[in-house]
Amino acid sequence: MFGIPTRPQSVSVPDLPAARSGAANAAEAALLERTVQGDLRAFEALYRAYFPRLTRFLERMTRRPELVEEILNDTMLVVSSNAHKYNRASKVSTWIFAIAYRKALKALRDSHDFAETDVDLAELAGADEHEPNDELLQLQLRRVLSEAVEALSANHRAVIELTYFQEMGYREIAHIMACPIETVKTRMFHARRRLKALLPDKLEDLL
């Protein structure tokens, strides 16, 4: 197991493919194998690749900036110490995000900040149809959407983030959240319904 850097370090390991393709997963699996063999540079490359993705996911899910770095580091410590347990049954990204999700839930429960409260973002993207020179309106709309997502429960924020911003399918999300696919679909339904209930009044003030 390796120590965790507080920020991604610059190491001379080729960058992973940007797309979440089979080639990207193979490259990440190779880094895990090298991590098992004690290759610190391989682990640092994996850490560097996942730092921004996990940071965004954890910030969205927890709404607790002060917890994010600790959760992220705990996640990568588990990745480091359990790299030998990765069996290729799922994508590397699914395996790592599942660890991060469980760590985030534990942190929220430990801090007594976990409560289940119950838009189609493609529809909301229609806001971009306003005149391109109206930058202030664009910024205000983005802020309102962000605030609406913040009002969701942790699990619903996680589903929105994994679906729309991490571009994962329901099957992969179900693996991460350790629940049936139907549960993921139900959470997405409630998240969309909640967003649609929250947005109209706020948007009316801006339009």
Protein backbone atom coordinates (compact mmCIF):
# COMPACT_ATOMS: atom_id res chain seq x y z
CA MET A 1 0.00 0.00 0.00
CA PHE A 2 1.27 3.44 -0.89
CA GLY A 3 0.93 6.80 0.80
CA ILE A 4 -1.56 9.19 -0.79
CA PRO A 5 -0.37 12.50 -2.25
CA THR A 6 -2.55 15.50 -1.40
CA ARG A 7 -2.60 16.53 -5.05
CA PRO A 8 -1.85 14.66 -8.29
CA GLN A 9 1.88 14.51 -8.85
CA SER A 10 3.54 14.90 -12.22
CA VAL A 11 4.97 11.52 -13.14
CA SER A 12 6.44 10.22 -16.37
CA VAL A 13 3.68 7.74 -17.10
CA PRO A 14 1.66 8.17 -20.30
CA ASP A 15 -1.79 9.71 -19.83
CA LEU A 16 -4.71 7.33 -19.99
CA PRO A 17 -7.06 7.57 -22.97
CA ALA A 18 -9.63 10.29 -22.35
CA ALA A 19 -12.65 8.27 -23.45
CA ARG A 20 -14.05 5.58 -21.17
CA SER A 21 -13.30 3.01 -23.87
CA GLY A 22 -12.08 -0.55 -23.74
CA ALA A 23 -8.57 0.76 -24.34
CA ALA A 24 -8.89 3.12 -21.38
CA ASN A 25 -10.09 0.32 -19.12
CA ALA A 26 -7.27 -1.96 -20.26
CA ALA A 27 -4.75 0.78 -19.50
CA GLU A 28 -6.23 1.30 -16.03
CA ALA A 29 -6.29 -2.44 -15.34
CA ALA A 30 -2.62 -2.57 -16.30
CA LEU A 31 -1.88 0.22 -13.82
CA LEU A 32 -3.67 -1.74 -11.10
CA GLU A 33 -1.60 -4.83 -11.90
CA ARG A 34 1.59 -2.77 -11.66
CA THR A 35 0.34 -1.31 -8.38
CA VAL A 36 0.00 -4.83 -6.99
CA GLN A 37 3.64 -5.38 -7.98
CA GLY A 38 4.68 -2.32 -5.97
CA ASP A 39 5.03 0.18 -8.82
CA LEU A 40 4.53 3.57 -7.14
CA ARG A 41 4.57 5.44 -10.46
CA ALA A 42 1.68 3.32 -11.73
CA PHE A 43 -0.39 4.10 -8.65
CA GLU A 44 0.40 7.81 -8.94
CA ALA A 45 -0.75 7.75 -12.57
CA LEU A 46 -4.02 6.13 -11.52
CA TYR A 47 -4.44 8.67 -8.73
CA ARG A 48 -3.78 11.52 -11.14
CA ALA A 49 -6.34 10.15 -13.60
CA TYR A 50 -9.09 9.78 -11.01
CA PHE A 51 -8.43 12.83 -8.84
CA PRO A 52 -10.60 15.29 -10.86
CA ARG A 53 -13.38 12.78 -11.54
CA LEU A 54 -13.67 11.65 -7.93
CA THR A 55 -13.38 15.21 -6.63
CA ARG A 56 -16.32 16.31 -8.75
CA PHE A 57 -18.39 13.25 -7.86
CA LEU A 58 -17.74 13.60 -4.12
CA GLU A 59 -18.36 17.33 -4.10
CA ARG A 60 -21.71 16.79 -5.81
CA MET A 61 -22.74 13.84 -3.68
CA THR A 62 -21.72 15.09 -0.23
CA ARG A 63 -22.09 18.89 -0.51
CA ARG A 64 -19.39 18.91 2.17
CA PRO A 65 -16.14 20.32 0.71
CA GLU A 66 -14.31 19.70 3.98
CA LEU A 67 -14.96 15.95 3.65
CA VAL A 68 -13.98 15.51 0.02
CA GLU A 69 -10.21 15.25 0.34
CA GLU A 70 -10.43 12.77 3.21
CA ILE A 71 -12.97 10.60 1.38
CA LEU A 72 -10.94 10.71 -1.82
CA ASN A 73 -7.75 9.74 0.00
CA ASP A 74 -9.54 6.95 1.88
CA THR A 75 -10.86 5.71 -1.46
CA MET A 76 -7.44 5.63 -3.07
CA LEU A 77 -5.92 3.96 -0.01
CA VAL A 78 -8.44 1.15 -0.48
CA VAL A 79 -7.61 1.04 -4.19
CA SER A 80 -3.93 0.74 -3.31
CA SER A 81 -4.33 -1.92 -0.63
CA ASN A 82 -6.98 -3.93 -2.48
CA ALA A 83 -5.67 -3.64 -6.03
CA HIS A 84 -5.05 -7.40 -5.97
CA LYS A 85 -8.79 -7.96 -5.47
CA TYR A 86 -9.79 -6.34 -8.75
CA ASN A 87 -10.97 -9.28 -10.89
CA ARG A 88 -11.99 -7.55 -14.15
CA ALA A 89 -15.65 -8.46 -13.55
CA SER A 90 -16.42 -4.75 -13.99
CA LYS A 91 -14.64 -1.71 -15.37
CA VAL A 92 -11.88 -0.23 -13.25
CA SER A 93 -13.89 3.00 -13.08
CA THR A 94 -16.93 1.11 -11.75
CA TRP A 95 -14.80 -0.57 -9.09
CA ILE A 96 -13.18 2.69 -7.97
CA PHE A 97 -16.42 4.71 -7.98
CA ALA A 98 -18.12 1.97 -5.94
CA ILE A 99 -15.43 2.36 -3.29
CA ALA A 100 -15.81 6.15 -3.35
CA TYR A 101 -19.60 5.88 -3.08
CA ARG A 102 -19.41 3.62 -0.02
CA LYS A 103 -16.80 5.86 1.62
CA ALA A 104 -18.96 8.92 0.97
CA LEU A 105 -22.05 7.29 2.48
CA LYS A 106 -20.06 6.31 5.56
CA ALA A 107 -18.66 9.83 5.95
CA LEU A 108 -22.13 11.36 5.66
CA ARG A 109 -23.58 8.94 8.18
CA ASP A 110 -20.70 9.49 10.59
CA SER A 111 -21.26 13.25 10.35
CA HIS A 112 -25.03 12.77 10.82
CA ASP A 113 -25.63 14.48 7.49
CA PHE A 114 -27.34 11.69 5.56
CA ALA A 115 -31.02 12.11 4.85
CA GLU A 116 -33.18 10.66 2.09
CA THR A 117 -35.38 13.34 0.60
CA ASP A 118 -36.74 12.86 -2.61
CA VAL A 119 -35.56 17.00 -15.12
CA ASP A 120 -34.47 15.79 -17.67
CA LEU A 121 -31.15 17.59 -18.12
CA ALA A 122 -31.47 17.30 -21.88
CA GLU A 123 -34.62 19.40 -21.60
CA LEU A 124 -32.86 21.88 -19.37
CA ALA A 125 -30.15 22.23 -21.96
CA GLY A 126 -32.73 24.15 -23.94
CA ALA A 127 -31.67 27.12 -21.84
CA ASP A 128 -28.65 27.33 -24.12
CA GLU A 129 -30.98 28.46 -26.90
CA HIS A 130 -31.01 32.00 -25.51
CA GLU A 131 -29.05 34.64 -27.37
CA PRO A 132 -25.34 33.83 -27.04
CA ASN A 133 -24.51 37.38 -25.99
CA ASP A 134 -26.70 37.08 -22.90
CA GLU A 135 -23.87 35.69 -20.78
CA LEU A 136 -25.33 36.92 -17.50
CA LEU A 137 -28.53 34.95 -18.06
CA GLN A 138 -26.51 31.85 -18.93
CA LEU A 139 -24.55 32.14 -15.68
CA GLN A 140 -27.73 32.64 -13.67
CA LEU A 141 -29.39 29.61 -15.24
CA ARG A 142 -26.37 27.43 -14.49
CA ARG A 143 -26.40 28.65 -10.89
CA VAL A 144 -30.11 27.85 -10.52
CA LEU A 145 -29.61 24.35 -11.96
CA SER A 146 -26.69 23.75 -9.61
CA GLU A 147 -28.74 24.91 -6.63
CA ALA A 148 -31.60 22.62 -7.65
CA VAL A 149 -29.30 19.59 -7.81
CA GLU A 150 -27.93 20.54 -4.38
CA ALA A 151 -31.46 20.18 -2.96
CA LEU A 152 -31.57 16.47 -3.85
CA SER A 153 -30.67 13.67 -1.45
CA ALA A 154 -27.17 12.20 -1.53
CA ASN A 155 -28.27 9.11 -3.48
CA HIS A 156 -30.23 11.16 -6.00
CA ARG A 157 -27.31 13.56 -6.50
CA ALA A 158 -25.08 10.55 -7.05
CA VAL A 159 -27.39 9.12 -9.73
CA ILE A 160 -27.56 12.47 -11.56
CA GLU A 161 -23.79 12.95 -11.38
CA LEU A 162 -22.93 9.41 -12.53
CA THR A 163 -25.48 9.47 -15.36
CA TYR A 164 -25.04 12.91 -16.87
CA PHE A 165 -21.53 13.96 -15.89
CA GLN A 166 -19.64 10.65 -15.62
CA GLU A 167 -21.64 9.22 -18.57
CA MET A 168 -22.32 5.86 -16.95
CA GLY A 169 -25.19 3.52 -17.77
CA TYR A 170 -27.75 2.23 -15.29
CA ARG A 171 -26.11 -1.19 -15.06
CA GLU A 172 -22.76 0.34 -14.13
CA ILE A 173 -24.40 2.71 -11.63
CA ALA A 174 -26.27 -0.22 -10.06
CA HIS A 175 -22.93 -1.96 -9.55
CA ILE A 176 -21.45 1.16 -7.95
CA MET A 177 -24.41 1.69 -5.64
CA ALA A 178 -24.80 -2.04 -4.91
CA CYS A 179 -28.49 -2.03 -5.76
CA PRO A 180 -30.78 -3.42 -8.49
CA ILE A 181 -31.04 -1.56 -11.78
CA GLU A 182 -34.71 -0.88 -11.02
CA THR A 183 -33.64 0.97 -7.87
CA VAL A 184 -31.33 3.17 -9.93
CA LYS A 185 -34.20 3.91 -12.33
CA THR A 186 -36.49 4.72 -9.41
CA ARG A 187 -33.93 7.08 -7.92
CA MET A 188 -33.52 8.79 -11.28
CA PHE A 189 -37.29 9.15 -11.61
CA HIS A 190 -37.57 10.79 -8.19
CA ALA A 191 -34.53 12.98 -8.83
CA ARG A 192 -36.03 14.27 -12.08
CA ARG A 193 -39.43 14.81 -10.47
CA ARG A 194 -37.82 16.72 -7.61
CA LEU A 195 -35.83 18.90 -10.01
CA LYS A 196 -38.91 19.68 -12.06
CA ALA A 197 -40.71 20.72 -8.87
CA LEU A 198 -37.83 22.95 -7.80
CA LEU A 199 -36.95 24.68 -11.04
CA PRO A 200 -40.03 26.50 -12.39
CA ASP A 201 -40.37 29.19 -9.70
CA LYS A 202 -36.67 29.96 -9.78
CA LEU A 203 -36.53 30.09 -13.55
CA GLU A 204 -39.50 32.45 -13.71
CA ASP A 205 -37.47 35.02 -11.77
CA LEU A 206 -34.77 34.93 -14.45
CA LEU A 207 -36.74 34.78 -17.68
